[in-house]
Amino acid sequence: MSGSSRDHIPDVRDGLTHVERVVLHVLRETQRELGGRNVPTAMLYARVLEHVDQSQQELQVCLKRLSTLPG
């Protein structure tokens, strides 16, 4: 697991980790830039790396978890 331990500890407010928040923020901003289109995973990964240190596999696990959250 890359990054600091705080990056992977769920927040008590909603259960999201720091990394998940970063991924969601970057995804939203990139979607806006692309006019609402889907964001290619490679593009998302490159932009997420500007904020947190994680492997491609860790991003895939994060995206899978986020896709199963209610809401």
N, C-alpha and C. Protein backbone atom coordinates (compact mmCIF):
# COMPACT_ATOMS: atom_id res chain seq x y z
N MET A 1 0.84 -1.17 0.00
CA MET A 1 0.00 0.00 0.00
C MET A 1 0.89 1.23 0.00
N SER A 2 0.65 2.12 -0.95
CA SER A 2 1.47 3.33 -1.07
C SER A 2 0.91 4.44 -0.20
N GLY A 3 1.67 5.51 -0.06
CA GLY A 3 1.23 6.68 0.67
C GLY A 3 1.28 6.47 2.18
N SER A 4 0.75 7.47 2.90
CA SER A 4 0.75 7.38 4.36
C SER A 4 -0.46 6.58 4.83
N SER A 5 -0.40 6.15 6.07
CA SER A 5 -1.50 5.35 6.60
C SER A 5 -2.80 6.15 6.67
N ARG A 6 -2.73 7.45 6.85
CA ARG A 6 -3.95 8.26 6.93
C ARG A 6 -4.71 8.27 5.61
N ASP A 7 -4.01 8.01 4.51
CA ASP A 7 -4.65 8.00 3.20
C ASP A 7 -5.66 6.88 3.07
N HIS A 8 -5.56 5.86 3.93
CA HIS A 8 -6.38 4.67 3.78
C HIS A 8 -7.29 4.41 4.97
N ILE A 9 -7.40 5.37 5.88
CA ILE A 9 -8.28 5.24 7.04
C ILE A 9 -9.61 5.91 6.71
N PRO A 10 -10.71 5.17 6.79
CA PRO A 10 -12.02 5.77 6.48
C PRO A 10 -12.39 6.88 7.46
N ASP A 11 -12.99 7.93 6.94
CA ASP A 11 -13.48 9.04 7.74
C ASP A 11 -14.78 8.61 8.40
N VAL A 12 -14.98 9.00 9.66
CA VAL A 12 -16.19 8.58 10.37
C VAL A 12 -17.45 9.22 9.81
N ARG A 13 -17.33 10.34 9.11
CA ARG A 13 -18.52 11.02 8.59
C ARG A 13 -19.22 10.22 7.50
N ASP A 14 -18.43 9.64 6.58
CA ASP A 14 -19.06 8.96 5.45
C ASP A 14 -18.35 7.68 5.01
N GLY A 15 -17.26 7.34 5.69
CA GLY A 15 -16.55 6.11 5.37
C GLY A 15 -15.57 6.21 4.23
N LEU A 16 -15.43 7.39 3.61
CA LEU A 16 -14.48 7.57 2.52
C LEU A 16 -13.08 7.82 3.07
N THR A 17 -12.10 7.30 2.37
CA THR A 17 -10.71 7.55 2.75
C THR A 17 -10.23 8.82 2.05
N HIS A 18 -9.08 9.30 2.46
CA HIS A 18 -8.48 10.47 1.81
C HIS A 18 -8.27 10.21 0.31
N VAL A 19 -7.76 9.05 0.00
CA VAL A 19 -7.50 8.69 -1.41
C VAL A 19 -8.81 8.68 -2.20
N GLU A 20 -9.86 8.10 -1.63
CA GLU A 20 -11.15 8.06 -2.34
C GLU A 20 -11.68 9.47 -2.59
N ARG A 21 -11.51 10.35 -1.61
CA ARG A 21 -11.94 11.74 -1.80
C ARG A 21 -11.16 12.40 -2.94
N VAL A 22 -9.86 12.16 -2.99
CA VAL A 22 -9.04 12.72 -4.05
C VAL A 22 -9.51 12.19 -5.40
N VAL A 23 -9.72 10.88 -5.49
CA VAL A 23 -10.16 10.28 -6.75
C VAL A 23 -11.49 10.89 -7.20
N LEU A 24 -12.45 11.01 -6.29
CA LEU A 24 -13.74 11.58 -6.65
C LEU A 24 -13.62 13.04 -7.10
N HIS A 25 -12.79 13.80 -6.40
CA HIS A 25 -12.59 15.21 -6.76
C HIS A 25 -11.96 15.33 -8.15
N VAL A 26 -10.90 14.57 -8.37
CA VAL A 26 -10.21 14.62 -9.66
C VAL A 26 -11.13 14.14 -10.78
N LEU A 27 -11.89 13.10 -10.52
CA LEU A 27 -12.84 12.59 -11.51
C LEU A 27 -13.87 13.64 -11.88
N ARG A 28 -14.44 14.31 -10.89
CA ARG A 28 -15.44 15.35 -11.14
C ARG A 28 -14.85 16.51 -11.96
N GLU A 29 -13.67 16.97 -11.55
CA GLU A 29 -13.04 18.08 -12.27
C GLU A 29 -12.70 17.70 -13.71
N THR A 30 -12.20 16.50 -13.91
CA THR A 30 -11.83 16.05 -15.25
C THR A 30 -13.07 15.88 -16.12
N GLN A 31 -14.15 15.35 -15.55
CA GLN A 31 -15.40 15.24 -16.30
C GLN A 31 -15.89 16.61 -16.75
N ARG A 32 -15.77 17.59 -15.89
CA ARG A 32 -16.17 18.96 -16.27
C ARG A 32 -15.33 19.46 -17.44
N GLU A 33 -14.03 19.23 -17.37
CA GLU A 33 -13.14 19.65 -18.46
C GLU A 33 -13.49 18.96 -19.78
N LEU A 34 -13.96 17.72 -19.69
CA LEU A 34 -14.28 16.95 -20.89
C LEU A 34 -15.74 17.12 -21.31
N GLY A 35 -16.42 18.08 -20.74
CA GLY A 35 -17.80 18.34 -21.13
C GLY A 35 -18.77 17.24 -20.71
N GLY A 36 -18.48 16.58 -19.60
CA GLY A 36 -19.37 15.56 -19.08
C GLY A 36 -19.10 14.16 -19.61
N ARG A 37 -18.15 14.03 -20.50
CA ARG A 37 -17.83 12.70 -21.06
C ARG A 37 -17.15 11.83 -20.02
N ASN A 38 -17.11 10.53 -20.31
CA ASN A 38 -16.38 9.59 -19.45
C ASN A 38 -14.90 9.92 -19.45
N VAL A 39 -14.27 9.68 -18.32
CA VAL A 39 -12.84 9.96 -18.16
C VAL A 39 -12.07 8.65 -18.34
N PRO A 40 -11.14 8.61 -19.29
CA PRO A 40 -10.33 7.41 -19.43
C PRO A 40 -9.53 7.14 -18.15
N THR A 41 -9.43 5.88 -17.78
CA THR A 41 -8.75 5.51 -16.54
C THR A 41 -7.31 5.99 -16.52
N ALA A 42 -6.63 5.91 -17.67
CA ALA A 42 -5.23 6.35 -17.73
C ALA A 42 -5.12 7.84 -17.42
N MET A 43 -6.05 8.63 -17.92
CA MET A 43 -6.05 10.07 -17.65
C MET A 43 -6.33 10.33 -16.17
N LEU A 44 -7.30 9.62 -15.63
CA LEU A 44 -7.62 9.77 -14.22
C LEU A 44 -6.42 9.40 -13.36
N TYR A 45 -5.77 8.29 -13.67
CA TYR A 45 -4.62 7.84 -12.90
C TYR A 45 -3.51 8.89 -12.91
N ALA A 46 -3.22 9.44 -14.08
CA ALA A 46 -2.16 10.45 -14.18
C ALA A 46 -2.48 11.67 -13.32
N ARG A 47 -3.72 12.07 -13.31
CA ARG A 47 -4.10 13.25 -12.53
C ARG A 47 -4.16 12.96 -11.03
N VAL A 48 -4.59 11.76 -10.67
CA VAL A 48 -4.62 11.38 -9.25
C VAL A 48 -3.20 11.35 -8.69
N LEU A 49 -2.24 10.89 -9.50
CA LEU A 49 -0.85 10.83 -9.05
C LEU A 49 -0.28 12.19 -8.68
N GLU A 50 -0.87 13.25 -9.19
CA GLU A 50 -0.42 14.59 -8.83
C GLU A 50 -0.75 14.91 -7.37
N HIS A 51 -1.68 14.13 -6.79
CA HIS A 51 -2.14 14.40 -5.42
C HIS A 51 -1.75 13.33 -4.41
N VAL A 52 -1.77 12.07 -4.84
CA VAL A 52 -1.45 10.96 -3.93
C VAL A 52 -0.59 9.93 -4.67
N ASP A 53 0.23 9.23 -3.89
CA ASP A 53 1.09 8.19 -4.45
C ASP A 53 0.37 6.85 -4.34
N GLN A 54 -0.02 6.29 -5.49
CA GLN A 54 -0.65 4.98 -5.47
C GLN A 54 -0.39 4.28 -6.80
N SER A 55 -0.45 2.96 -6.75
CA SER A 55 -0.22 2.17 -7.96
C SER A 55 -1.49 2.13 -8.80
N GLN A 56 -1.33 1.67 -10.03
CA GLN A 56 -2.49 1.50 -10.91
C GLN A 56 -3.47 0.51 -10.30
N GLN A 57 -2.94 -0.55 -9.72
CA GLN A 57 -3.78 -1.56 -9.10
C GLN A 57 -4.57 -0.97 -7.93
N GLU A 58 -3.93 -0.13 -7.14
CA GLU A 58 -4.63 0.50 -6.02
C GLU A 58 -5.75 1.41 -6.52
N LEU A 59 -5.52 2.10 -7.63
CA LEU A 59 -6.57 2.93 -8.20
C LEU A 59 -7.74 2.05 -8.65
N GLN A 60 -7.46 0.93 -9.28
CA GLN A 60 -8.52 0.03 -9.73
C GLN A 60 -9.34 -0.47 -8.54
N VAL A 61 -8.68 -0.82 -7.45
CA VAL A 61 -9.38 -1.27 -6.25
C VAL A 61 -10.25 -0.14 -5.70
N CYS A 62 -9.71 1.06 -5.68
CA CYS A 62 -10.45 2.23 -5.21
C CYS A 62 -11.68 2.48 -6.08
N LEU A 63 -11.52 2.44 -7.39
CA LEU A 63 -12.65 2.66 -8.30
C LEU A 63 -13.71 1.59 -8.13
N LYS A 64 -13.28 0.35 -7.93
CA LYS A 64 -14.24 -0.74 -7.73
C LYS A 64 -15.04 -0.50 -6.45
N ARG A 65 -14.35 -0.11 -5.38
CA ARG A 65 -15.05 0.17 -4.12
C ARG A 65 -16.02 1.33 -4.28
N LEU A 66 -15.59 2.39 -4.93
CA LEU A 66 -16.46 3.55 -5.11
C LEU A 66 -17.69 3.21 -5.96
N SER A 67 -17.54 2.31 -6.90
CA SER A 67 -18.66 1.94 -7.77
C SER A 67 -19.70 1.12 -7.03
N THR A 68 -19.35 0.57 -5.88
CA THR A 68 -20.31 -0.25 -5.13
C THR A 68 -20.96 0.49 -3.96
N LEU A 69 -20.55 1.73 -3.74
CA LEU A 69 -21.12 2.50 -2.63
C LEU A 69 -22.54 2.94 -2.99
N PRO A 70 -23.44 2.96 -2.02
CA PRO A 70 -24.79 3.46 -2.29
C PRO A 70 -24.77 4.96 -2.53
N GLY A 71 -25.70 5.41 -3.29
CA GLY A 71 -25.77 6.84 -3.46
C GLY A 71 -25.99 7.26 -4.81
